[in-house]
């Protein structure tokens, strides 16, 4: 079977070749908005390509390697709550990445997926360069969340999306994400400097 991210033969059960496996870089656990965020990988190399294939090419197989690594970070969680993509983006790209990741994690862990959040129709995109105007996503709670649940998303860039999801649920939840963007650390450092000045 060919590698998901290139044309070489895959060597593992997740569908990646040796080179692409070597391109997965672990990410540190961080705190965003008072909640612990555990990222499977840094948002670069193979992990970045997998996220892009999932989000923008609607390739569900790209969720596999990410979900395997994410599943190892759920700890004592009781349920998985995916952070849904804006409805127009789901329609445009044909996929909700967080839901795909949550379903993959559920297959591995046996935890239930609880679609507790409904997204808005649209908001200015969160991804992209710092010069791009970024919107704040809006969610509403549509289902009860079990005690001990975790949020699941594809990328944490600034933490704004996870904060908005927690706000809609009325309390902070720990999160497991596929990748941690380098801008997360840059944003935290910028905010720290502002608070000191």
N, C-alpha and C. Protein backbone atom coordinates (compact mmCIF):
# COMPACT_ATOMS: atom_id res chain seq x y z
N UNK A 1 0.84 -1.17 0.00
CA UNK A 1 0.00 0.00 0.00
C UNK A 1 0.90 1.25 0.00
N UNK A 2 0.57 2.27 -0.83
CA UNK A 2 1.40 3.47 -0.85
C UNK A 2 1.20 4.33 0.40
N UNK A 3 2.22 5.08 0.73
CA UNK A 3 2.17 6.01 1.85
C UNK A 3 1.08 7.06 1.60
N UNK A 4 0.41 7.46 2.64
CA UNK A 4 -0.67 8.46 2.53
C UNK A 4 -0.14 9.80 2.03
N UNK A 5 1.07 10.17 2.45
CA UNK A 5 1.57 11.51 2.13
C UNK A 5 2.56 11.56 0.97
N UNK A 6 2.99 10.41 0.46
CA UNK A 6 3.90 10.39 -0.69
C UNK A 6 3.64 9.11 -1.49
N UNK A 7 4.48 8.80 -2.46
CA UNK A 7 4.24 7.65 -3.33
C UNK A 7 5.03 6.40 -2.93
N UNK A 8 5.87 6.51 -1.90
CA UNK A 8 6.67 5.36 -1.48
C UNK A 8 5.80 4.32 -0.77
N UNK A 9 6.26 3.07 -0.69
CA UNK A 9 5.48 2.04 0.00
C UNK A 9 5.41 2.31 1.50
N UNK A 10 4.25 2.09 2.09
CA UNK A 10 4.11 2.29 3.54
C UNK A 10 4.70 1.10 4.28
N UNK A 11 5.10 1.34 5.53
CA UNK A 11 5.74 0.29 6.31
C UNK A 11 5.05 0.04 7.64
N UNK A 12 4.02 0.83 7.95
CA UNK A 12 3.34 0.64 9.23
C UNK A 12 1.84 0.50 9.03
N UNK A 13 1.14 0.16 10.08
CA UNK A 13 -0.31 -0.04 10.01
C UNK A 13 -1.08 1.25 9.76
N UNK A 14 -0.44 2.40 9.95
CA UNK A 14 -1.12 3.67 9.75
C UNK A 14 -0.98 4.18 8.31
N UNK A 15 -0.17 3.50 7.50
CA UNK A 15 -0.06 3.86 6.09
C UNK A 15 0.99 4.90 5.76
N UNK A 16 2.08 4.94 6.53
CA UNK A 16 3.17 5.88 6.25
C UNK A 16 4.46 5.12 5.90
N UNK A 17 5.29 5.75 5.07
CA UNK A 17 6.58 5.17 4.74
C UNK A 17 7.60 5.53 5.82
N UNK A 18 8.80 4.96 5.74
CA UNK A 18 9.83 5.25 6.74
C UNK A 18 10.19 6.73 6.81
N UNK A 19 10.33 7.35 5.65
CA UNK A 19 10.69 8.77 5.61
C UNK A 19 9.63 9.66 6.24
N UNK A 20 8.37 9.38 5.94
CA UNK A 20 7.29 10.20 6.50
C UNK A 20 7.12 9.94 8.00
N UNK A 21 7.33 8.69 8.43
CA UNK A 21 7.31 8.40 9.87
C UNK A 21 8.40 9.20 10.59
N UNK A 22 9.57 9.27 9.96
CA UNK A 22 10.68 10.02 10.56
C UNK A 22 10.39 11.51 10.60
N UNK A 23 9.46 11.97 9.76
CA UNK A 23 9.11 13.39 9.71
C UNK A 23 8.07 13.81 10.73
N UNK A 24 7.63 12.89 11.59
CA UNK A 24 6.68 13.24 12.65
C UNK A 24 7.46 13.72 13.87
N UNK A 25 7.19 14.92 14.32
CA UNK A 25 7.91 15.54 15.43
C UNK A 25 6.95 15.70 16.61
N UNK A 26 7.32 15.16 17.76
CA UNK A 26 6.47 15.25 18.95
C UNK A 26 6.32 16.71 19.38
N UNK A 27 5.18 17.01 20.00
CA UNK A 27 4.91 18.37 20.50
C UNK A 27 4.76 18.33 22.01
N UNK A 28 5.09 19.43 22.68
CA UNK A 28 4.94 19.46 24.14
C UNK A 28 3.48 19.65 24.55
N UNK A 29 3.18 19.27 25.77
CA UNK A 29 1.88 19.58 26.36
C UNK A 29 1.91 21.06 26.74
N UNK A 30 0.81 21.77 26.47
CA UNK A 30 0.76 23.20 26.77
C UNK A 30 -0.51 23.52 27.54
N UNK A 31 -0.59 24.74 28.05
CA UNK A 31 -1.81 25.20 28.72
C UNK A 31 -2.36 26.35 27.91
N UNK A 32 -3.65 26.27 27.58
CA UNK A 32 -4.32 27.31 26.81
C UNK A 32 -5.61 27.68 27.52
N UNK A 33 -5.75 28.93 27.89
CA UNK A 33 -6.96 29.37 28.56
C UNK A 33 -7.23 28.64 29.86
N UNK A 34 -6.19 28.18 30.51
CA UNK A 34 -6.35 27.47 31.78
C UNK A 34 -6.59 25.98 31.64
N UNK A 35 -6.62 25.47 30.42
CA UNK A 35 -6.85 24.03 30.20
C UNK A 35 -5.62 23.40 29.56
N UNK A 36 -5.36 22.16 29.91
CA UNK A 36 -4.22 21.42 29.34
C UNK A 36 -4.57 21.00 27.92
N UNK A 37 -3.65 21.25 27.00
CA UNK A 37 -3.80 20.84 25.60
C UNK A 37 -2.65 19.92 25.28
N UNK A 38 -2.97 18.70 24.89
CA UNK A 38 -1.96 17.71 24.53
C UNK A 38 -2.00 17.52 23.02
N UNK A 39 -0.90 17.86 22.36
CA UNK A 39 -0.82 17.73 20.90
C UNK A 39 0.00 16.50 20.55
N UNK A 40 -0.46 15.77 19.55
CA UNK A 40 0.27 14.58 19.11
C UNK A 40 1.59 14.98 18.47
N UNK A 41 1.55 16.00 17.61
CA UNK A 41 2.75 16.37 16.85
C UNK A 41 2.86 17.88 16.69
N UNK A 42 4.07 18.33 16.37
CA UNK A 42 4.27 19.72 15.96
C UNK A 42 3.69 19.86 14.55
N UNK A 43 3.16 21.04 14.25
CA UNK A 43 2.51 21.28 12.96
C UNK A 43 3.56 21.61 11.90
N UNK A 44 4.29 20.58 11.51
CA UNK A 44 5.30 20.71 10.46
C UNK A 44 5.56 19.34 9.85
N UNK A 45 6.23 19.34 8.71
CA UNK A 45 6.60 18.09 8.06
C UNK A 45 5.41 17.18 7.77
N UNK A 46 5.56 15.93 8.11
CA UNK A 46 4.54 14.92 7.82
C UNK A 46 3.21 15.25 8.49
N UNK A 47 3.24 15.68 9.74
CA UNK A 47 1.99 15.97 10.45
C UNK A 47 1.23 17.11 9.77
N UNK A 48 1.93 18.13 9.34
CA UNK A 48 1.29 19.25 8.63
C UNK A 48 0.65 18.75 7.33
N UNK A 49 1.37 17.91 6.59
CA UNK A 49 0.82 17.36 5.34
C UNK A 49 -0.44 16.53 5.62
N UNK A 50 -0.40 15.71 6.68
CA UNK A 50 -1.57 14.90 7.03
C UNK A 50 -2.78 15.78 7.36
N UNK A 51 -2.55 16.83 8.14
CA UNK A 51 -3.65 17.73 8.49
C UNK A 51 -4.21 18.39 7.24
N UNK A 52 -3.34 18.84 6.35
CA UNK A 52 -3.81 19.49 5.12
C UNK A 52 -4.57 18.52 4.22
N UNK A 53 -4.09 17.28 4.12
CA UNK A 53 -4.82 16.28 3.32
C UNK A 53 -6.20 16.00 3.92
N UNK A 54 -6.27 15.98 5.23
CA UNK A 54 -7.55 15.75 5.91
C UNK A 54 -8.48 16.94 5.71
N UNK A 55 -8.00 18.15 6.01
CA UNK A 55 -8.84 19.35 6.01
C UNK A 55 -9.25 19.82 4.62
N UNK A 56 -8.30 19.83 3.69
CA UNK A 56 -8.53 20.49 2.42
C UNK A 56 -8.68 19.55 1.23
N UNK A 57 -8.29 18.27 1.40
CA UNK A 57 -8.47 17.30 0.32
C UNK A 57 -9.50 16.24 0.69
N UNK A 58 -10.12 16.37 1.86
CA UNK A 58 -11.16 15.44 2.32
C UNK A 58 -10.68 13.99 2.22
N UNK A 59 -9.46 13.74 2.73
CA UNK A 59 -8.90 12.40 2.70
C UNK A 59 -8.97 11.81 4.12
N UNK A 60 -10.03 11.04 4.42
CA UNK A 60 -10.19 10.50 5.77
C UNK A 60 -9.03 9.62 6.23
N UNK A 61 -8.35 8.95 5.30
CA UNK A 61 -7.21 8.10 5.68
C UNK A 61 -6.12 8.89 6.37
N UNK A 62 -6.03 10.20 6.08
CA UNK A 62 -5.01 11.04 6.72
C UNK A 62 -5.26 11.17 8.22
N UNK A 63 -6.48 10.93 8.67
CA UNK A 63 -6.78 11.00 10.10
C UNK A 63 -6.18 9.83 10.86
N UNK A 64 -5.94 8.70 10.18
CA UNK A 64 -5.47 7.48 10.84
C UNK A 64 -4.22 7.64 11.68
N UNK A 65 -3.09 8.07 11.07
CA UNK A 65 -1.86 8.20 11.86
C UNK A 65 -1.99 9.24 12.97
N UNK A 66 -2.75 10.29 12.70
CA UNK A 66 -2.94 11.33 13.71
C UNK A 66 -3.76 10.80 14.88
N UNK A 67 -4.86 10.09 14.57
CA UNK A 67 -5.74 9.55 15.61
C UNK A 67 -5.02 8.52 16.48
N UNK A 68 -4.13 7.73 15.89
CA UNK A 68 -3.38 6.74 16.66
C UNK A 68 -2.54 7.44 17.73
N UNK A 69 -1.81 8.48 17.32
CA UNK A 69 -0.98 9.22 18.28
C UNK A 69 -1.84 9.97 19.29
N UNK A 70 -2.95 10.53 18.85
CA UNK A 70 -3.84 11.27 19.75
C UNK A 70 -4.46 10.34 20.79
N UNK A 71 -4.80 9.13 20.39
CA UNK A 71 -5.43 8.17 21.30
C UNK A 71 -4.53 7.85 22.49
N UNK A 72 -3.23 7.91 22.28
CA UNK A 72 -2.31 7.62 23.38
C UNK A 72 -2.25 8.76 24.39
N UNK A 73 -2.94 9.87 24.11
CA UNK A 73 -2.90 11.03 24.99
C UNK A 73 -4.22 11.31 25.71
N UNK A 74 -5.17 10.39 25.63
CA UNK A 74 -6.49 10.66 26.24
C UNK A 74 -6.51 10.48 27.74
N UNK A 75 -5.53 9.79 28.30
CA UNK A 75 -5.49 9.61 29.75
C UNK A 75 -6.74 8.90 30.26
N UNK A 76 -7.34 9.46 31.32
CA UNK A 76 -8.52 8.85 31.94
C UNK A 76 -9.81 9.49 31.44
N UNK A 77 -9.82 9.97 30.21
CA UNK A 77 -11.00 10.63 29.66
C UNK A 77 -12.20 9.68 29.62
N UNK A 78 -13.39 10.26 29.71
CA UNK A 78 -14.62 9.46 29.68
C UNK A 78 -15.32 9.52 28.33
N UNK A 79 -15.05 10.56 27.54
CA UNK A 79 -15.71 10.75 26.25
C UNK A 79 -14.91 11.74 25.41
N UNK A 80 -15.19 11.73 24.12
CA UNK A 80 -14.51 12.59 23.17
C UNK A 80 -15.52 13.56 22.57
N UNK A 81 -15.24 14.86 22.70
CA UNK A 81 -16.14 15.89 22.16
C UNK A 81 -15.40 16.60 21.02
N UNK A 82 -15.77 16.32 19.76
CA UNK A 82 -15.09 17.00 18.65
C UNK A 82 -15.50 18.47 18.57
N UNK A 83 -14.53 19.33 18.23
CA UNK A 83 -14.81 20.75 18.01
C UNK A 83 -15.15 20.90 16.53
N UNK A 84 -16.43 21.14 16.22
CA UNK A 84 -16.87 21.09 14.81
C UNK A 84 -16.38 22.25 13.97
N UNK A 85 -16.21 21.97 12.71
CA UNK A 85 -15.81 22.96 11.72
C UNK A 85 -17.04 23.80 11.36
N UNK A 86 -16.83 25.05 11.00
CA UNK A 86 -17.94 25.90 10.54
C UNK A 86 -18.69 25.19 9.42
N UNK A 87 -19.99 25.32 9.43
CA UNK A 87 -20.83 24.54 8.48
C UNK A 87 -20.48 24.78 7.02
N UNK A 88 -20.24 26.03 6.65
CA UNK A 88 -19.91 26.30 5.24
C UNK A 88 -18.58 25.67 4.85
N UNK A 89 -17.63 25.60 5.77
CA UNK A 89 -16.35 24.95 5.45
C UNK A 89 -16.53 23.44 5.34
N UNK A 90 -17.34 22.86 6.19
CA UNK A 90 -17.63 21.42 6.07
C UNK A 90 -18.26 21.14 4.72
N UNK A 91 -19.20 21.99 4.31
CA UNK A 91 -19.85 21.82 3.01
C UNK A 91 -18.84 22.02 1.88
N UNK A 92 -18.01 23.06 1.98
CA UNK A 92 -17.05 23.36 0.91
C UNK A 92 -16.01 22.27 0.74
N UNK A 93 -15.45 21.78 1.84
CA UNK A 93 -14.36 20.81 1.75
C UNK A 93 -14.84 19.37 1.87
N UNK A 94 -16.09 19.17 2.28
CA UNK A 94 -16.65 17.83 2.33
C UNK A 94 -16.22 17.00 3.52
N UNK A 95 -15.70 17.64 4.58
CA UNK A 95 -15.23 16.87 5.72
C UNK A 95 -15.17 17.75 6.97
N UNK A 96 -15.40 17.13 8.11
CA UNK A 96 -15.21 17.79 9.40
C UNK A 96 -14.00 17.10 10.05
N UNK A 97 -12.83 17.74 10.01
CA UNK A 97 -11.60 17.07 10.47
C UNK A 97 -11.67 16.58 11.91
N UNK A 98 -12.18 17.40 12.82
CA UNK A 98 -12.22 17.00 14.24
C UNK A 98 -13.10 15.78 14.44
N UNK A 99 -14.19 15.70 13.70
CA UNK A 99 -15.07 14.54 13.80
C UNK A 99 -14.35 13.28 13.30
N UNK A 100 -13.63 13.40 12.19
CA UNK A 100 -12.87 12.25 11.67
C UNK A 100 -11.83 11.78 12.68
N UNK A 101 -11.13 12.73 13.29
CA UNK A 101 -10.12 12.38 14.29
C UNK A 101 -10.77 11.74 15.51
N UNK A 102 -11.91 12.29 15.95
CA UNK A 102 -12.61 11.75 17.12
C UNK A 102 -13.08 10.33 16.86
N UNK A 103 -13.62 10.07 15.68
CA UNK A 103 -14.09 8.72 15.34
C UNK A 103 -12.90 7.75 15.30
N UNK A 104 -11.78 8.19 14.74
CA UNK A 104 -10.58 7.34 14.73
C UNK A 104 -10.08 7.04 16.14
N UNK A 105 -10.09 8.04 16.99
CA UNK A 105 -9.68 7.84 18.38
C UNK A 105 -10.64 6.91 19.11
N UNK A 106 -11.93 7.05 18.84
CA UNK A 106 -12.94 6.21 19.49
C UNK A 106 -12.75 4.74 19.11
N UNK A 107 -12.39 4.47 17.86
CA UNK A 107 -12.14 3.09 17.44
C UNK A 107 -11.00 2.47 18.24
N UNK A 108 -10.00 3.27 18.56
CA UNK A 108 -8.83 2.78 19.27
C UNK A 108 -9.08 2.66 20.77
N UNK A 109 -9.72 3.68 21.34
CA UNK A 109 -9.87 3.76 22.79
C UNK A 109 -11.16 3.15 23.32
N UNK A 110 -12.17 3.03 22.47
CA UNK A 110 -13.48 2.56 22.92
C UNK A 110 -14.31 3.64 23.58
N UNK A 111 -13.81 4.87 23.63
CA UNK A 111 -14.56 5.97 24.22
C UNK A 111 -15.67 6.43 23.28
N UNK A 112 -16.78 6.91 23.85
CA UNK A 112 -17.85 7.42 22.99
C UNK A 112 -17.51 8.80 22.43
N UNK A 113 -17.98 9.06 21.22
CA UNK A 113 -17.89 10.39 20.63
C UNK A 113 -19.20 11.10 20.95
N UNK A 114 -19.10 12.26 21.59
CA UNK A 114 -20.29 13.02 21.98
C UNK A 114 -20.30 14.34 21.19
N UNK A 115 -21.13 14.43 20.13
CA UNK A 115 -21.19 15.67 19.35
C UNK A 115 -22.01 16.72 20.12
N UNK A 116 -21.38 17.32 21.12
CA UNK A 116 -22.08 18.23 22.04
C UNK A 116 -22.14 19.67 21.54
N UNK A 117 -21.35 19.99 20.53
CA UNK A 117 -21.28 21.37 20.04
C UNK A 117 -21.81 21.49 18.61
N UNK A 118 -22.55 22.55 18.37
CA UNK A 118 -22.99 22.88 17.01
C UNK A 118 -22.23 24.13 16.59
N UNK A 119 -21.68 24.14 15.38
CA UNK A 119 -20.91 25.29 14.93
C UNK A 119 -21.80 26.36 14.33
N UNK A 120 -21.22 27.55 14.18
CA UNK A 120 -21.90 28.59 13.42
C UNK A 120 -21.77 28.28 11.93
N UNK A 121 -22.41 29.13 11.12
CA UNK A 121 -22.33 28.91 9.68
C UNK A 121 -20.97 29.26 9.12
N UNK A 122 -20.37 30.34 9.65
CA UNK A 122 -19.11 30.82 9.08
C UNK A 122 -18.44 31.75 10.07
N UNK A 123 -17.11 31.85 10.00
CA UNK A 123 -16.32 32.87 10.67
C UNK A 123 -15.03 33.01 9.87
N UNK A 124 -14.38 34.16 9.99
CA UNK A 124 -13.11 34.35 9.28
C UNK A 124 -12.17 33.24 9.70
N UNK A 125 -11.43 32.70 8.77
CA UNK A 125 -10.59 31.54 9.06
C UNK A 125 -9.55 31.84 10.12
N UNK A 126 -9.19 30.80 10.88
CA UNK A 126 -8.20 30.92 11.96
C UNK A 126 -6.79 30.63 11.45
N UNK A 127 -6.68 29.77 10.43
CA UNK A 127 -5.37 29.39 9.92
C UNK A 127 -4.80 30.49 9.05
N UNK A 128 -3.50 30.43 8.85
CA UNK A 128 -2.86 31.38 7.94
C UNK A 128 -1.89 32.28 8.66
N UNK A 129 -1.32 33.21 7.88
CA UNK A 129 -0.30 34.10 8.44
C UNK A 129 -0.90 35.05 9.46
N UNK A 130 -0.04 35.62 10.29
CA UNK A 130 -0.48 36.54 11.33
C UNK A 130 -1.14 37.79 10.78
N UNK A 131 -0.89 38.14 9.50
CA UNK A 131 -1.47 39.35 8.92
C UNK A 131 -2.91 39.15 8.47
N UNK A 132 -3.37 37.90 8.43
CA UNK A 132 -4.72 37.60 7.99
C UNK A 132 -5.69 37.89 9.14
N UNK A 133 -6.81 38.57 8.83
CA UNK A 133 -7.82 38.82 9.86
C UNK A 133 -8.43 37.49 10.26
N UNK A 134 -8.44 37.22 11.56
CA UNK A 134 -8.92 35.93 12.04
C UNK A 134 -10.18 36.12 12.86
N UNK A 135 -11.17 35.30 12.57
CA UNK A 135 -12.43 35.39 13.29
C UNK A 135 -12.44 34.51 14.52
N UNK A 136 -13.42 34.76 15.36
CA UNK A 136 -13.61 33.92 16.54
C UNK A 136 -14.79 33.01 16.27
N UNK A 137 -14.60 31.70 16.33
CA UNK A 137 -15.69 30.79 16.06
C UNK A 137 -16.76 30.86 17.16
N UNK A 138 -17.98 30.57 16.75
CA UNK A 138 -19.09 30.54 17.71
C UNK A 138 -19.67 29.14 17.74
N UNK A 139 -19.90 28.64 18.93
CA UNK A 139 -20.50 27.32 19.10
C UNK A 139 -21.68 27.44 20.05
N UNK A 140 -22.56 26.46 19.99
CA UNK A 140 -23.60 26.36 21.02
C UNK A 140 -23.68 24.90 21.44
N UNK A 141 -24.00 24.71 22.70
CA UNK A 141 -24.09 23.36 23.24
C UNK A 141 -25.43 22.75 22.83
N UNK A 142 -25.38 21.53 22.30
CA UNK A 142 -26.60 20.85 21.86
C UNK A 142 -26.81 19.52 22.57
N UNK A 143 -25.82 19.13 23.39
CA UNK A 143 -25.90 17.85 24.10
C UNK A 143 -25.09 17.95 25.38
N UNK A 144 -25.51 17.20 26.39
CA UNK A 144 -24.77 17.19 27.65
C UNK A 144 -23.40 16.54 27.46
N UNK A 145 -22.45 17.03 28.23
CA UNK A 145 -21.08 16.51 28.16
C UNK A 145 -20.79 15.73 29.43
N UNK A 146 -20.37 14.47 29.30
CA UNK A 146 -20.05 13.69 30.50
C UNK A 146 -18.87 14.27 31.28
N UNK A 147 -18.88 14.10 32.57
CA UNK A 147 -17.74 14.50 33.40
C UNK A 147 -16.52 13.72 32.91
N UNK A 148 -15.40 14.40 32.78
CA UNK A 148 -14.18 13.74 32.33
C UNK A 148 -13.99 13.71 30.83
N UNK A 149 -14.84 14.42 30.08
CA UNK A 149 -14.72 14.45 28.62
C UNK A 149 -13.55 15.34 28.21
N UNK A 150 -13.05 15.11 27.00
CA UNK A 150 -12.00 15.94 26.42
C UNK A 150 -12.47 16.51 25.10
N UNK A 151 -11.97 17.69 24.75
CA UNK A 151 -12.20 18.26 23.43
C UNK A 151 -11.17 17.69 22.46
N UNK A 152 -11.56 17.55 21.20
CA UNK A 152 -10.65 17.08 20.15
C UNK A 152 -10.74 18.02 18.97
N UNK A 153 -9.57 18.45 18.48
CA UNK A 153 -9.52 19.31 17.31
C UNK A 153 -8.28 18.94 16.49
N UNK A 154 -8.17 19.52 15.28
CA UNK A 154 -7.06 19.17 14.42
C UNK A 154 -5.79 19.96 14.74
N UNK A 155 -5.90 21.28 14.87
CA UNK A 155 -4.73 22.11 15.10
C UNK A 155 -5.05 23.14 16.18
N UNK A 156 -4.11 23.39 17.08
CA UNK A 156 -4.24 24.53 17.97
C UNK A 156 -3.23 25.56 17.50
N UNK A 157 -3.75 26.73 17.13
CA UNK A 157 -2.92 27.80 16.60
C UNK A 157 -2.70 28.88 17.66
N UNK A 158 -3.81 29.44 18.17
CA UNK A 158 -3.72 30.45 19.23
C UNK A 158 -4.46 30.00 20.49
N UNK A 159 -5.29 28.98 20.38
CA UNK A 159 -6.10 28.53 21.51
C UNK A 159 -7.49 29.13 21.51
N UNK A 160 -7.77 30.04 20.57
CA UNK A 160 -9.06 30.74 20.53
C UNK A 160 -10.22 29.78 20.28
N UNK A 161 -10.05 28.84 19.37
CA UNK A 161 -11.14 27.91 19.05
C UNK A 161 -11.47 27.03 20.25
N UNK A 162 -10.45 26.50 20.92
CA UNK A 162 -10.69 25.66 22.10
C UNK A 162 -11.34 26.47 23.22
N UNK A 163 -10.92 27.73 23.37
CA UNK A 163 -11.53 28.59 24.39
C UNK A 163 -12.99 28.84 24.07
N UNK A 164 -13.31 29.09 22.80
CA UNK A 164 -14.71 29.32 22.40
C UNK A 164 -15.55 28.07 22.63
N UNK A 165 -14.98 26.90 22.35
CA UNK A 165 -15.72 25.64 22.57
C UNK A 165 -15.98 25.44 24.06
N UNK A 166 -14.97 25.67 24.90
CA UNK A 166 -15.14 25.54 26.34
C UNK A 166 -16.16 26.54 26.88
N UNK A 167 -16.12 27.76 26.36
CA UNK A 167 -17.08 28.79 26.78
C UNK A 167 -18.51 28.34 26.47
N UNK A 168 -18.72 27.75 25.30
CA UNK A 168 -20.06 27.28 24.93
C UNK A 168 -20.54 26.17 25.86
N UNK A 169 -19.60 25.38 26.37
CA UNK A 169 -19.95 24.28 27.27
C UNK A 169 -20.05 24.73 28.73
N UNK A 170 -19.63 25.95 29.00
CA UNK A 170 -19.75 26.49 30.35
C UNK A 170 -18.60 26.19 31.28
N UNK A 171 -17.60 25.47 30.81
CA UNK A 171 -16.41 25.19 31.63
C UNK A 171 -15.26 24.72 30.75
N UNK A 172 -14.06 24.87 31.26
CA UNK A 172 -12.86 24.48 30.52
C UNK A 172 -12.72 22.97 30.50
N UNK A 173 -12.40 22.45 29.33
CA UNK A 173 -12.12 21.03 29.19
C UNK A 173 -10.70 20.86 28.68
N UNK A 174 -10.00 19.82 29.14
CA UNK A 174 -8.71 19.53 28.53
C UNK A 174 -8.93 19.13 27.07
N UNK A 175 -7.90 19.26 26.27
CA UNK A 175 -8.04 18.97 24.84
C UNK A 175 -6.88 18.11 24.35
N UNK A 176 -7.19 17.31 23.34
CA UNK A 176 -6.18 16.56 22.60
C UNK A 176 -6.31 17.00 21.14
N UNK A 177 -5.21 17.47 20.57
CA UNK A 177 -5.22 17.94 19.19
C UNK A 177 -4.18 17.18 18.37
N UNK A 178 -4.37 17.19 17.06
CA UNK A 178 -3.42 16.50 16.19
C UNK A 178 -2.08 17.23 16.16
N UNK A 179 -2.13 18.55 15.99
CA UNK A 179 -0.87 19.30 15.89
C UNK A 179 -0.92 20.63 16.64
N UNK A 180 0.27 21.05 17.05
CA UNK A 180 0.47 22.32 17.73
C UNK A 180 1.24 23.22 16.78
N UNK A 181 0.59 24.32 16.35
CA UNK A 181 1.24 25.24 15.42
C UNK A 181 2.31 26.05 16.12
N UNK A 182 3.37 26.41 15.40
CA UNK A 182 4.42 27.22 16.01
C UNK A 182 3.91 28.56 16.50
N UNK A 183 2.83 29.07 15.88
CA UNK A 183 2.29 30.37 16.28
C UNK A 183 1.71 30.33 17.69
N UNK A 184 1.40 29.15 18.23
CA UNK A 184 0.85 29.08 19.59
C UNK A 184 1.87 29.64 20.58
N UNK A 185 3.11 29.19 20.49
CA UNK A 185 4.15 29.68 21.39
C UNK A 185 4.42 31.16 21.15
N UNK A 186 4.42 31.58 19.89
CA UNK A 186 4.65 32.99 19.57
C UNK A 186 3.56 33.87 20.16
N UNK A 187 2.30 33.42 20.06
CA UNK A 187 1.17 34.19 20.60
C UNK A 187 1.27 34.27 22.12
N UNK A 188 1.60 33.16 22.78
CA UNK A 188 1.74 33.17 24.24
C UNK A 188 2.85 34.12 24.67
N UNK A 189 3.96 34.11 23.95
CA UNK A 189 5.07 35.00 24.31
C UNK A 189 4.69 36.46 24.11
N UNK A 190 3.99 36.77 23.02
CA UNK A 190 3.54 38.13 22.75
C UNK A 190 2.60 38.60 23.87
N UNK A 191 1.65 37.74 24.28
CA UNK A 191 0.71 38.08 25.35
C UNK A 191 1.44 38.26 26.68
N UNK A 192 2.46 37.43 26.94
CA UNK A 192 3.22 37.54 28.18
C UNK A 192 3.94 38.89 28.22
N UNK A 193 4.53 39.27 27.08
CA UNK A 193 5.25 40.54 27.04
C UNK A 193 4.31 41.72 27.26
N UNK A 194 3.10 41.64 26.67
CA UNK A 194 2.12 42.72 26.84
C UNK A 194 1.73 42.85 28.32
N UNK A 195 1.57 41.70 29.01
CA UNK A 195 1.15 41.75 30.41
C UNK A 195 2.24 42.31 31.31
N UNK A 196 3.50 42.17 30.89
CA UNK A 196 4.63 42.68 31.68
C UNK A 196 4.79 44.19 31.47
N UNK A 197 4.51 44.65 30.23
CA UNK A 197 4.72 46.08 29.91
C UNK A 197 3.72 46.99 30.59
